[in-house]
Amino acid sequence: MTVLKSMVDTSAEEFVTNRDAMLSKLDEVEGEHAKAIEGGGAKYVARHKERGKLLARERIELLIDEDSPFLELSPLAAWGSEYRVGGSVVVGIGVVEGVECMLIANDPTVKGGATNPWGLKKSLRAAEIAERNRLPVIHLVESGGADLPAQKEIFIPGGRTFHNLTRSSAQRVPTVSLVFGSSTAGGAYLPGMSDYVVMVAEQAKVFLGGPPLVKMATGEESDDESLGGAEMHARSSGLADFLAVDEEDAIRIGRSIVRRFNWDKLGPEPRREYTGPYYDPEELLGVVPNDLKVPFDPKEVIARVVDGSDFDEFKPLYGNSLVTGWADIHGYPVGILANARGVLFSEESQKATQFIQLANQTDTPLVFLHNTTGYMVGKEYEQLGIIKHGAMMINAVSNSTVPHISVLMGASYGAGHYGMCGRAYDPRFLFAWPSAKSAVMGPQQLAGVLSIVARESAAGRGETYDEDNDAAMRQAVEQQIEAESLPMFLSGMLYDDGIIDPRDTRTVLGMSLSSIHNAEVRGTDRFGVFRM
């Protein structure tokens, strides 16, 4: 075994300072998570409970196997927007009767569970994860349809929801709708296009148009029950496959449906015997400096995440600003690429390209640990071919077919974000630590570039440059970019799948890898043209 040797001194002042800073950031994130959990607020939660109904997360808790974890995704969707944090829907991966499923639950305490633009984006991302990882989808439905004032942002892209359901069914991946309340207008197609439908008696209402719309369109008088009640759909229309007496019964029926899937994973099983890291994951709190300009050794992170802290480093003496190597996480073999000193040079780019090819030859998933300021700039590096070497790495990442998982630990700037499999490069999952920042470049650099351009423009016009305006501009730009680089802003925009506690990194990666292995894991030998 090649057990990593840690050099972390947990009693050092630097470690304690880093730890305190990380805990402070975690407190901020927890505060925002609390807003998502409270849904529409105390008033609407109380009203929902008074009706004898379960909350979205309570439904999920009853649905998944007892004492099993739930990997909630994008809990901070809509953060910083006019909509409630969470986007009126709860999504995540949970184990139901031993089967990993994507769960999508409307939160009826937020505008009756109506779909808003952020909730739609969140649901579509969940569907994408489900499709790529071959996960059955269970919708826990109670929604009034689209949030009508925002229909221009919902109607056209929202059709993708039903497209995804039918594609899933065609690919022999089951879909289930458990209908607890209203599912109207476009929402009626959720159960309409699911493989299995369970409706709760006297609560579930499914119709394309409710009584008021029917009255306006046809002049016909009708009531909820005869138009779209659970009893009618179970006895007359046939839309309901099962009629549940209450919510708990619907969840019981849902679990029995999953039990009959006869589900098998297509990916290889993990090694049955493995040990946890040799070093305490608690120490991850003090590894990342509060100032991201200060480098840190990513092997200290790897040592606290991989099985037995055992890591076979690849090309350790070449391109050492990027650490690459092989390890296991919860018994699953992985290749790891981790930024060591931020900047990616030609050597690191070529090393990464070769390593990604090797991972594809052996059908090994890849984990990218981000802390990069991007590819190196400057005359010397341009002449050495940094553009074509960076392009090689991005080519390899783009065309690699083994599953990728990205974790943003520190900086993730510029094209380095792309080369390390950022959001645009389709990682199966992308998570961020509270310490992470991502943008086209650092705030000071971006403000400085704008200042240089403005100075040159003024000189070209023969004008005197206003230094006071320049200072004010730089300060404003730095503040804006800093705010837009923070993980809560990026998570609110759904540019990651959630902000995680560093101490949970191993667990989150393990759950992600387990989900990934529902689908076939296969590499490729087909890449684009590598410019030499």
Protein backbone atom coordinates (compact mmCIF):
# COMPACT_ATOMS: atom_id res chain seq x y z
CA MET A 1 0.00 0.00 0.00
CA THR A 2 1.06 3.59 -0.70
CA VAL A 3 -0.41 5.34 2.32
CA LEU A 4 -0.07 9.10 2.15
CA LYS A 5 1.88 10.79 4.92
CA SER A 6 0.17 13.86 6.32
CA MET A 7 2.12 16.94 7.28
CA VAL A 8 -0.83 18.75 8.87
CA ASP A 9 -0.17 20.15 12.35
CA THR A 10 -3.60 20.56 13.94
CA SER A 11 -2.13 22.64 16.76
CA ALA A 12 -0.55 25.20 14.43
CA GLU A 13 -1.97 28.74 14.44
CA GLU A 14 -2.52 28.61 10.69
CA PHE A 15 -4.60 25.43 10.96
CA VAL A 16 -6.73 26.86 13.77
CA THR A 17 -7.31 30.08 11.80
CA ASN A 18 -8.33 28.14 8.71
CA ARG A 19 -10.62 25.91 10.76
CA ASP A 20 -12.36 28.87 12.41
CA ALA A 21 -12.86 30.55 9.04
CA MET A 22 -14.34 27.38 7.53
CA LEU A 23 -16.69 26.88 10.47
CA SER A 24 -17.86 30.47 10.09
CA LYS A 25 -18.62 29.87 6.41
CA LEU A 26 -20.44 26.65 7.29
CA ASP A 27 -22.62 28.57 9.75
CA GLU A 28 -23.61 30.95 6.95
CA VAL A 29 -24.52 28.06 4.68
CA GLU A 30 -26.52 26.36 7.44
CA GLY A 31 -28.47 29.58 7.93
CA GLU A 32 -29.45 29.56 4.27
CA HIS A 33 -30.27 25.84 4.36
CA ALA A 34 -32.65 26.58 7.23
CA LYS A 35 -34.56 28.96 4.94
CA ALA A 36 -34.99 26.17 2.40
CA ILE A 37 -36.20 23.75 5.07
CA GLU A 38 -38.81 26.20 6.38
CA GLY A 39 -40.46 26.22 2.94
CA GLY A 40 -43.10 28.89 2.60
CA GLY A 41 -42.70 29.98 6.21
CA ALA A 42 -44.35 29.19 9.54
CA LYS A 43 -47.83 30.39 8.48
CA TYR A 44 -48.11 28.19 5.41
CA VAL A 45 -46.40 25.22 7.04
CA ALA A 46 -48.92 25.38 9.90
CA ARG A 47 -51.84 25.64 7.49
CA HIS A 48 -50.60 22.63 5.53
CA LYS A 49 -50.21 20.57 8.71
CA GLU A 50 -53.68 21.59 9.91
CA ARG A 51 -55.07 19.96 6.78
CA GLY A 52 -53.55 16.68 7.98
CA LYS A 53 -50.90 16.65 5.31
CA LEU A 54 -47.23 15.76 5.45
CA LEU A 55 -44.50 18.18 4.44
CA ALA A 56 -42.36 17.42 1.38
CA ARG A 57 -39.35 16.30 3.42
CA GLU A 58 -41.57 14.21 5.70
CA ARG A 59 -42.93 12.39 2.67
CA ILE A 60 -39.38 11.71 1.48
CA GLU A 61 -38.33 10.51 4.93
CA LEU A 62 -41.15 7.96 5.00
CA LEU A 63 -40.48 6.86 1.42
CA ILE A 64 -36.78 6.06 1.72
CA ASP A 65 -35.44 3.04 3.58
CA GLU A 66 -35.21 3.44 7.34
CA ASP A 67 -31.94 4.99 8.53
CA SER A 68 -30.71 5.39 4.95
CA PRO A 69 -29.14 8.69 3.85
CA PHE A 70 -30.74 11.21 1.50
CA LEU A 71 -28.41 13.17 -0.78
CA GLU A 72 -30.31 16.41 -1.24
CA LEU A 73 -29.35 18.31 -4.39
CA SER A 74 -29.43 22.06 -5.07
CA PRO A 75 -31.05 22.99 -1.73
CA LEU A 76 -30.08 26.67 -2.22
CA ALA A 77 -31.67 27.03 -5.67
CA ALA A 78 -33.12 30.54 -6.12
CA TRP A 79 -30.83 32.00 -3.43
CA GLY A 80 -30.58 35.75 -3.93
CA SER A 81 -33.63 35.85 -6.22
CA GLU A 82 -37.20 37.00 -5.60
CA TYR A 83 -38.26 33.38 -5.02
CA ARG A 84 -38.06 31.36 -1.83
CA VAL A 85 -34.75 29.57 -1.28
CA GLY A 86 -35.15 26.02 -2.53
CA GLY A 87 -37.22 26.86 -5.58
CA SER A 88 -40.51 25.31 -4.29
CA VAL A 89 -39.25 21.76 -4.81
CA VAL A 90 -37.07 19.27 -2.90
CA VAL A 91 -34.90 16.93 -4.98
CA GLY A 92 -32.29 14.34 -4.15
CA ILE A 93 -31.19 10.73 -4.29
CA GLY A 94 -32.58 8.26 -1.78
CA VAL A 95 -32.68 4.48 -1.42
CA VAL A 96 -36.16 2.95 -1.70
CA GLU A 97 -36.40 -0.80 -1.15
CA GLY A 98 -32.69 -1.03 -1.84
CA VAL A 99 -32.94 0.91 -5.13
CA GLU A 100 -31.32 4.31 -5.55
CA CYS A 101 -33.97 6.65 -6.93
CA MET A 102 -34.18 10.31 -7.87
CA LEU A 103 -36.90 11.87 -5.71
CA ILE A 104 -38.60 15.10 -6.82
CA ALA A 105 -41.09 16.48 -4.30
CA ASN A 106 -43.17 19.62 -4.73
CA ASP A 107 -43.23 21.83 -1.63
CA PRO A 108 -46.93 22.77 -1.30
CA THR A 109 -46.15 25.36 1.41
CA VAL A 110 -44.55 27.58 -1.26
CA LYS A 111 -47.36 29.00 -3.40
CA GLY A 112 -49.18 25.67 -3.37
CA GLY A 113 -46.15 23.94 -4.87
CA ALA A 114 -46.43 25.99 -8.06
CA THR A 115 -43.42 25.65 -10.35
CA ASN A 116 -41.29 28.79 -10.63
CA PRO A 117 -38.30 29.30 -12.97
CA TRP A 118 -35.76 28.14 -10.39
CA GLY A 119 -37.82 25.13 -9.36
CA LEU A 120 -38.05 24.16 -13.02
CA LYS A 121 -34.28 24.44 -13.51
CA LYS A 122 -33.74 22.38 -10.38
CA SER A 123 -36.15 19.67 -11.52
CA LEU A 124 -34.60 19.55 -14.98
CA ARG A 125 -31.13 19.18 -13.47
CA ALA A 126 -32.46 16.34 -11.30
CA ALA A 127 -33.91 14.67 -14.39
CA GLU A 128 -30.56 15.05 -16.17
CA ILE A 129 -28.75 13.39 -13.28
CA ALA A 130 -31.35 10.61 -13.24
CA GLU A 131 -31.02 9.97 -16.97
CA ARG A 132 -27.23 9.95 -17.09
CA ASN A 133 -26.94 7.69 -14.05
CA ARG A 134 -29.92 5.46 -14.90
CA LEU A 135 -31.90 6.26 -11.76
CA PRO A 136 -35.64 5.54 -11.46
CA VAL A 137 -37.58 8.74 -10.78
CA ILE A 138 -40.28 9.16 -8.15
CA HIS A 139 -42.35 12.36 -8.25
CA LEU A 140 -44.12 13.28 -5.02
CA VAL A 141 -46.75 15.51 -6.55
CA GLU A 142 -48.72 18.38 -5.06
CA SER A 143 -48.59 21.40 -7.30
CA GLY A 144 -50.91 24.00 -8.76
CA GLY A 145 -48.91 23.93 -11.99
CA ALA A 146 -46.89 26.85 -13.27
CA ASP A 147 -46.44 30.07 -11.31
CA LEU A 148 -48.47 31.98 -13.91
CA PRO A 149 -46.87 35.44 -13.58
CA ALA A 150 -43.57 33.76 -14.56
CA GLN A 151 -45.05 31.65 -17.37
CA LYS A 152 -42.77 33.14 -20.01
CA GLU A 153 -39.80 31.52 -18.22
CA ILE A 154 -41.58 28.23 -17.55
CA PHE A 155 -43.89 27.23 -20.39
CA ILE A 156 -41.45 26.52 -23.24
CA PRO A 157 -38.53 24.95 -21.29
CA GLY A 158 -41.01 23.21 -18.98
CA GLY A 159 -42.05 20.84 -21.74
CA ARG A 160 -38.72 19.13 -21.22
CA THR A 161 -40.13 17.63 -18.01
CA PHE A 162 -42.55 15.43 -19.91
CA HIS A 163 -40.01 14.71 -22.64
CA ASN A 164 -37.67 13.36 -19.94
CA LEU A 165 -40.36 11.14 -18.43
CA THR A 166 -41.21 9.49 -21.73
CA ARG A 167 -37.53 9.01 -22.62
CA SER A 168 -36.91 7.40 -19.24
CA SER A 169 -39.74 4.95 -19.81
CA ALA A 170 -38.45 4.15 -23.32
CA GLN A 171 -35.04 3.39 -21.83
CA ARG A 172 -36.68 0.93 -19.41
CA VAL A 173 -35.99 3.09 -16.38
CA PRO A 174 -39.18 3.24 -14.29
CA THR A 175 -40.99 6.44 -13.32
CA VAL A 176 -43.54 6.75 -10.51
CA SER A 177 -45.92 9.53 -9.49
CA LEU A 178 -47.35 9.63 -5.98
CA VAL A 179 -50.09 12.27 -6.12
CA PHE A 180 -50.91 13.83 -2.76
CA GLY A 181 -52.85 16.91 -3.87
CA SER A 182 -53.46 19.04 -6.94
CA SER A 183 -51.68 18.23 -10.18
CA THR A 184 -53.30 20.57 -12.64
CA ALA A 185 -52.81 21.90 -16.17
CA GLY A 186 -49.34 20.92 -17.41
CA GLY A 187 -48.78 19.24 -14.06
CA ALA A 188 -51.42 16.67 -14.99
CA TYR A 189 -48.96 15.19 -17.44
CA LEU A 190 -46.61 14.21 -14.60
CA PRO A 191 -48.84 11.27 -13.64
CA GLY A 192 -50.08 11.03 -17.23
CA MET A 193 -46.57 10.20 -18.46
CA SER A 194 -45.36 8.15 -15.50
CA ASP A 195 -45.20 4.35 -15.61
CA TYR A 196 -46.96 4.00 -12.26
CA VAL A 197 -49.47 6.35 -10.62
CA VAL A 198 -50.73 6.35 -7.04
CA MET A 199 -53.41 8.85 -5.95
CA VAL A 200 -54.62 9.68 -2.46
CA ALA A 201 -58.41 9.48 -2.06
CA GLU A 202 -60.19 12.79 -1.40
CA GLN A 203 -56.89 14.68 -1.76
CA ALA A 204 -55.43 14.05 -5.22
CA LYS A 205 -56.87 16.19 -8.01
CA VAL A 206 -55.60 15.70 -11.56
CA PHE A 207 -57.11 17.61 -14.47
CA LEU A 208 -55.95 19.59 -17.48
CA GLY A 209 -58.37 22.38 -16.56
CA GLY A 210 -60.06 22.92 -13.23
CA PRO A 211 -63.76 23.74 -12.81
CA PRO A 212 -63.31 27.52 -13.41
CA LEU A 213 -61.38 26.96 -16.66
CA VAL A 214 -63.87 24.32 -17.84
CA LYS A 215 -66.70 26.77 -17.13
CA MET A 216 -64.97 29.50 -19.12
CA ALA A 217 -64.01 27.21 -22.03
CA THR A 218 -67.14 25.08 -22.41
CA GLY A 219 -69.83 26.46 -20.10
CA GLU A 220 -69.92 23.11 -18.33
CA GLU A 221 -70.54 22.99 -14.58
CA SER A 222 -68.31 20.53 -12.72
CA ASP A 223 -66.67 19.87 -9.37
CA ASP A 224 -63.16 18.79 -8.42
CA GLU A 225 -64.03 15.19 -7.63
CA SER A 226 -66.01 14.37 -10.77
CA LEU A 227 -63.57 16.28 -12.95
CA GLY A 228 -60.28 14.96 -11.59
CA GLY A 229 -60.62 13.28 -8.21
CA ALA A 230 -58.64 10.19 -7.24
CA GLU A 231 -61.75 7.97 -7.11
CA MET A 232 -62.77 9.00 -10.62
CA HIS A 233 -59.30 8.35 -12.04
CA ALA A 234 -59.10 4.98 -10.29
CA ARG A 235 -62.58 3.82 -11.39
CA SER A 236 -63.38 5.69 -14.62
CA SER A 237 -60.44 7.22 -16.50
CA GLY A 238 -57.88 4.59 -15.46
CA LEU A 239 -55.19 7.21 -14.91
CA ALA A 240 -54.66 6.02 -11.32
CA ASP A 241 -53.13 2.57 -11.01
CA PHE A 242 -53.55 2.53 -7.24
CA LEU A 243 -55.97 4.35 -4.92
CA ALA A 244 -54.46 5.12 -1.51
CA VAL A 245 -56.58 5.82 1.56
CA ASP A 246 -54.13 8.43 2.89
CA GLU A 247 -50.60 9.76 2.40
CA GLU A 248 -48.92 7.04 4.42
CA ASP A 249 -50.74 4.42 2.37
CA ALA A 250 -49.60 6.10 -0.87
CA ILE A 251 -46.01 5.95 0.32
CA ARG A 252 -46.42 2.29 1.31
CA ILE A 253 -47.78 1.51 -2.16
CA GLY A 254 -44.94 3.49 -3.74
CA ARG A 255 -42.38 1.41 -1.87
CA SER A 256 -44.09 -1.82 -2.96
CA ILE A 257 -43.95 -0.65 -6.60
CA VAL A 258 -40.20 -0.11 -6.35
CA ARG A 259 -39.77 -3.49 -4.68
CA ARG A 260 -41.16 -5.11 -7.86
CA PHE A 261 -38.76 -3.30 -10.23
CA ASN A 262 -36.34 -6.26 -10.15
CA TRP A 263 -33.65 -3.63 -10.44
CA ASP A 264 -30.03 -4.45 -11.21
CA LYS A 265 -27.09 -2.08 -11.48
CA LEU A 266 -25.14 -2.23 -14.74
CA GLY A 267 -21.85 -0.90 -13.36
CA PRO A 268 -19.30 -3.06 -11.52
CA GLU A 269 -19.79 -3.63 -7.81
CA PRO A 270 -17.42 -1.96 -5.35
CA ARG A 271 -14.79 -3.91 -3.49
CA ARG A 272 -16.51 -5.53 -0.55
CA GLU A 273 -13.71 -5.01 1.95
CA TYR A 274 -12.16 -1.60 2.47
CA THR A 275 -11.14 0.67 5.31
CA GLY A 276 -11.81 4.31 5.97
CA PRO A 277 -9.13 7.01 5.69
CA TYR A 278 -6.17 6.72 8.01
CA TYR A 279 -6.55 10.41 8.91
CA ASP A 280 -9.53 12.13 10.52
CA PRO A 281 -11.88 13.88 8.02
CA GLU A 282 -12.53 16.44 10.79
CA GLU A 283 -9.10 17.85 9.93
CA LEU A 284 -10.36 18.91 6.49
CA LEU A 285 -11.77 22.01 8.18
CA GLY A 286 -8.26 23.44 8.60
CA VAL A 287 -6.62 22.37 5.35
CA VAL A 288 -7.85 25.13 3.01
CA PRO A 289 -6.46 28.63 3.78
CA ASN A 290 -8.97 31.42 4.23
CA ASP A 291 -6.93 33.39 1.67
CA LEU A 292 -7.16 31.38 -1.55
CA LYS A 293 -3.97 33.00 -2.82
CA VAL A 294 -2.13 30.79 -0.33
CA PRO A 295 -1.53 27.33 -1.86
CA PHE A 296 -2.24 24.08 -0.02
CA ASP A 297 -1.35 20.45 -0.68
CA PRO A 298 -4.39 18.61 -2.10
CA LYS A 299 -2.89 15.31 -0.99
CA GLU A 300 -3.89 16.35 2.53
CA VAL A 301 -7.49 16.29 1.26
CA ILE A 302 -7.03 13.02 -0.63
CA ALA A 303 -5.56 11.39 2.50
CA ARG A 304 -8.81 12.16 4.38
CA VAL A 305 -11.19 11.05 1.63
CA VAL A 306 -9.90 7.84 0.02
CA ASP A 307 -9.98 4.30 1.40
CA GLY A 308 -7.08 3.64 3.75
CA SER A 309 -5.50 6.98 2.73
CA ASP A 310 -3.98 4.82 -0.03
CA PHE A 311 -3.05 6.80 -3.16
CA ASP A 312 -0.89 5.69 -6.10
CA GLU A 313 0.39 8.94 -7.55
CA PHE A 314 0.92 9.14 -11.32
CA LYS A 315 3.87 11.20 -12.68
CA PRO A 316 4.74 12.67 -9.25
CA LEU A 317 7.90 14.39 -10.57
CA TYR A 318 6.33 15.95 -13.66
CA GLY A 319 3.85 18.83 -13.81
CA ASN A 320 3.61 18.90 -10.02
CA SER A 321 1.10 21.76 -9.94
CA LEU A 322 -1.44 19.03 -10.69
CA VAL A 323 -1.62 15.87 -8.59
CA THR A 324 -2.93 12.79 -10.41
CA GLY A 325 -3.27 9.23 -9.19
CA TRP A 326 -5.40 6.19 -8.39
CA ALA A 327 -7.38 5.38 -5.26
CA ASP A 328 -10.62 3.81 -4.00
CA ILE A 329 -13.57 5.59 -2.37
CA HIS A 330 -16.00 3.31 -0.51
CA GLY A 331 -14.63 0.43 -2.56
CA TYR A 332 -15.06 2.14 -5.94
CA PRO A 333 -11.84 2.63 -7.97
CA VAL A 334 -11.30 6.25 -9.05
CA GLY A 335 -8.73 8.41 -10.74
CA ILE A 336 -8.11 11.76 -9.03
CA LEU A 337 -6.95 15.05 -10.52
CA ALA A 338 -6.24 17.72 -7.89
CA ASN A 339 -4.76 21.19 -8.31
CA ALA A 340 -1.69 21.69 -6.14
CA ARG A 341 -0.47 25.25 -6.71
CA GLY A 342 -3.29 26.82 -8.65
CA VAL A 343 -1.75 27.52 -12.04
CA LEU A 344 -1.86 24.96 -14.85
CA PHE A 345 1.24 24.95 -17.09
CA SER A 346 1.90 22.97 -20.27
CA GLU A 347 3.32 20.06 -18.28
CA GLU A 348 0.21 19.78 -16.11
CA SER A 349 -2.04 19.93 -19.16
CA GLN A 350 -0.18 17.12 -20.95
CA LYS A 351 -0.06 15.04 -17.77
CA ALA A 352 -3.82 15.43 -17.27
CA THR A 353 -4.51 14.49 -20.89
CA GLN A 354 -2.55 11.25 -20.59
CA PHE A 355 -4.12 10.42 -17.22
CA ILE A 356 -7.66 10.93 -18.55
CA GLN A 357 -6.88 8.62 -21.47
CA LEU A 358 -5.61 5.98 -19.07
CA ALA A 359 -8.78 6.23 -16.96
CA ASN A 360 -10.86 5.68 -20.09
CA GLN A 361 -8.81 2.62 -21.01
CA THR A 362 -9.60 1.05 -17.64
CA ASP A 363 -13.22 2.29 -17.31
CA THR A 364 -12.31 4.21 -14.15
CA PRO A 365 -14.43 7.20 -12.97
CA LEU A 366 -12.59 10.48 -12.40
CA VAL A 367 -12.76 12.87 -9.45
CA PHE A 368 -11.62 16.48 -10.03
CA LEU A 369 -10.60 18.49 -6.94
CA HIS A 370 -10.51 22.17 -7.93
CA ASN A 371 -8.17 24.86 -6.72
CA THR A 372 -6.97 26.57 -9.88
CA THR A 373 -6.46 30.14 -11.04
CA GLY A 374 -6.39 28.93 -14.66
CA TYR A 375 -3.79 28.28 -17.35
CA MET A 376 -0.52 30.21 -17.19
CA VAL A 377 -0.24 33.40 -19.23
CA GLY A 378 2.82 35.29 -20.47
CA LYS A 379 5.10 35.46 -23.51
CA GLU A 380 7.30 32.53 -22.47
CA TYR A 381 4.34 30.25 -21.85
CA GLU A 382 2.56 31.26 -25.05
CA GLN A 383 5.70 30.42 -27.01
CA LEU A 384 5.91 27.05 -25.26
CA GLY A 385 2.38 26.25 -26.46
CA ILE A 386 0.12 26.76 -23.44
CA ILE A 387 -2.91 27.28 -25.69
CA LYS A 388 -2.56 23.98 -27.54
CA HIS A 389 -1.60 22.09 -24.38
CA GLY A 390 -4.55 23.52 -22.47
CA ALA A 391 -6.72 22.62 -25.46
CA MET A 392 -5.43 19.04 -25.24
CA MET A 393 -6.59 18.79 -21.64
CA ILE A 394 -10.00 20.30 -22.42
CA ASN A 395 -10.33 17.96 -25.42
CA ALA A 396 -9.65 14.98 -23.17
CA VAL A 397 -12.15 16.15 -20.53
CA SER A 398 -14.80 16.88 -23.15
CA ASN A 399 -14.59 13.52 -24.89
CA SER A 400 -13.94 11.28 -21.89
CA THR A 401 -16.90 8.96 -21.35
CA VAL A 402 -16.12 7.64 -17.88
CA PRO A 403 -18.17 9.37 -15.18
CA HIS A 404 -16.73 12.60 -13.77
CA ILE A 405 -17.36 14.16 -10.35
CA SER A 406 -16.08 17.65 -9.52
CA VAL A 407 -15.53 19.19 -6.11
CA LEU A 408 -14.67 22.88 -5.89
CA MET A 409 -12.47 23.24 -2.80
CA GLY A 410 -10.88 26.63 -3.44
CA ALA A 411 -10.49 28.79 -6.54
CA SER A 412 -11.87 27.64 -9.88
CA TYR A 413 -11.11 30.45 -12.29
CA GLY A 414 -10.92 30.94 -16.03
CA ALA A 415 -10.34 28.09 -18.47
CA GLY A 416 -8.89 26.11 -15.56
CA HIS A 417 -12.51 25.64 -14.44
CA TYR A 418 -13.21 24.09 -17.83
CA GLY A 419 -10.12 21.89 -17.91
CA MET A 420 -10.98 20.58 -14.45
CA CYS A 421 -14.47 19.57 -15.64
CA GLY A 422 -16.59 22.53 -14.61
CA ARG A 423 -20.36 22.64 -15.01
CA ALA A 424 -20.28 23.16 -18.80
CA TYR A 425 -18.32 19.90 -19.20
CA ASP A 426 -21.10 17.69 -17.88
CA PRO A 427 -19.76 16.18 -14.66
CA ARG A 428 -22.25 13.66 -13.30
CA PHE A 429 -22.15 15.66 -10.05
CA LEU A 430 -20.50 18.94 -9.03
CA PHE A 431 -20.28 20.02 -5.40
CA ALA A 432 -18.61 22.98 -3.70
CA TRP A 433 -17.05 23.58 -0.33
CA PRO A 434 -18.00 26.82 1.47
CA SER A 435 -14.47 28.06 0.71
CA ALA A 436 -14.89 27.77 -3.07
CA LYS A 437 -14.95 30.65 -5.53
CA SER A 438 -15.49 30.55 -9.28
CA ALA A 439 -15.38 33.24 -11.97
CA VAL A 440 -13.68 34.19 -15.21
CA MET A 441 -10.78 35.42 -13.04
CA GLY A 442 -10.10 36.75 -9.54
CA PRO A 443 -11.78 40.05 -8.53
CA GLN A 444 -8.53 42.03 -8.34
CA GLN A 445 -7.32 40.70 -11.68
CA LEU A 446 -10.60 41.44 -13.43
CA ALA A 447 -10.80 44.96 -12.01
CA GLY A 448 -7.17 45.51 -12.95
CA VAL A 449 -7.75 44.41 -16.55
CA LEU A 450 -10.67 46.84 -16.87
CA SER A 451 -8.51 49.59 -15.41
CA ILE A 452 -5.69 48.95 -17.90
CA VAL A 453 -8.13 48.96 -20.84
CA ALA A 454 -9.71 52.21 -19.64
CA ARG A 455 -6.29 53.85 -19.22
CA GLU A 456 -5.20 52.86 -22.70
CA SER A 457 -8.47 54.10 -24.14
CA ALA A 458 -8.08 57.48 -22.43
CA ALA A 459 -4.47 57.75 -23.61
CA GLY A 460 -5.57 56.95 -27.15
CA ARG A 461 -8.01 59.84 -27.01
CA GLY A 462 -5.39 62.14 -25.54
CA GLU A 463 -7.35 62.56 -22.30
CA THR A 464 -6.11 62.72 -18.72
CA TYR A 465 -7.11 59.61 -16.80
CA ASP A 466 -9.26 60.18 -13.70
CA GLU A 467 -7.54 58.26 -10.89
CA ASP A 468 -10.38 58.83 -8.41
CA ASN A 469 -12.93 57.34 -10.81
CA ASP A 470 -10.53 54.46 -11.48
CA ALA A 471 -10.24 53.66 -7.77
CA ALA A 472 -14.03 53.77 -7.35
CA MET A 473 -14.52 51.59 -10.43
CA ARG A 474 -12.02 49.02 -9.25
CA GLN A 475 -13.59 48.83 -5.82
CA ALA A 476 -17.11 48.43 -7.26
CA VAL A 477 -16.00 45.75 -9.72
CA GLU A 478 -14.05 43.84 -7.08
CA GLN A 479 -17.07 43.83 -4.77
CA GLN A 480 -19.38 42.67 -7.57
CA ILE A 481 -17.09 39.87 -8.75
CA GLU A 482 -16.38 38.76 -5.19
CA ALA A 483 -20.14 38.52 -4.50
CA GLU A 484 -20.77 36.66 -7.76
CA SER A 485 -17.89 34.24 -7.12
CA LEU A 486 -19.16 32.96 -3.77
CA PRO A 487 -20.60 29.45 -3.52
CA MET A 488 -24.05 30.52 -2.29
CA PHE A 489 -24.50 32.78 -5.32
CA LEU A 490 -23.33 30.02 -7.68
CA SER A 491 -25.43 27.39 -5.91
CA GLY A 492 -28.46 29.67 -6.15
CA MET A 493 -27.86 29.82 -9.91
CA LEU A 494 -27.67 25.97 -9.97
CA TYR A 495 -24.05 26.04 -11.16
CA ASP A 496 -23.35 23.30 -8.62
CA ASP A 497 -25.39 20.49 -7.09
CA GLY A 498 -24.95 21.74 -3.55
CA ILE A 499 -22.52 23.18 -1.01
CA ILE A 500 -21.18 20.42 1.20
CA ASP A 501 -19.36 20.31 4.53
CA PRO A 502 -15.73 19.32 3.77
CA ARG A 503 -16.04 16.61 6.43
CA ASP A 504 -18.83 15.00 4.36
CA THR A 505 -16.81 14.87 1.14
CA ARG A 506 -16.06 11.15 1.36
CA THR A 507 -19.70 10.30 2.10
CA VAL A 508 -21.04 12.51 -0.70
CA LEU A 509 -18.53 11.06 -3.18
CA GLY A 510 -19.42 7.55 -2.08
CA MET A 511 -23.15 8.13 -2.57
CA SER A 512 -22.48 9.76 -5.94
CA LEU A 513 -20.30 6.86 -7.08
CA SER A 514 -22.90 4.34 -5.96
CA SER A 515 -25.57 6.21 -7.95
CA ILE A 516 -23.30 6.42 -10.99
CA HIS A 517 -22.85 2.64 -11.03
CA ASN A 518 -26.55 2.09 -11.76
CA ALA A 519 -25.49 2.75 -15.35
CA GLU A 520 -22.74 1.13 -17.36
CA VAL A 521 -19.28 2.60 -16.70
CA ARG A 522 -17.31 2.56 -19.92
CA GLY A 523 -14.45 4.62 -21.27
CA THR A 524 -13.59 5.61 -24.81
CA ASP A 525 -10.60 5.64 -27.12
CA ARG A 526 -12.19 8.24 -29.38
CA PHE A 527 -10.92 11.75 -28.74
CA GLY A 528 -10.68 14.79 -30.95
CA VAL A 529 -7.49 15.88 -32.69
CA PHE A 530 -4.76 16.61 -30.11
CA ARG A 531 -2.64 19.53 -31.28
CA MET A 532 0.98 18.53 -30.68
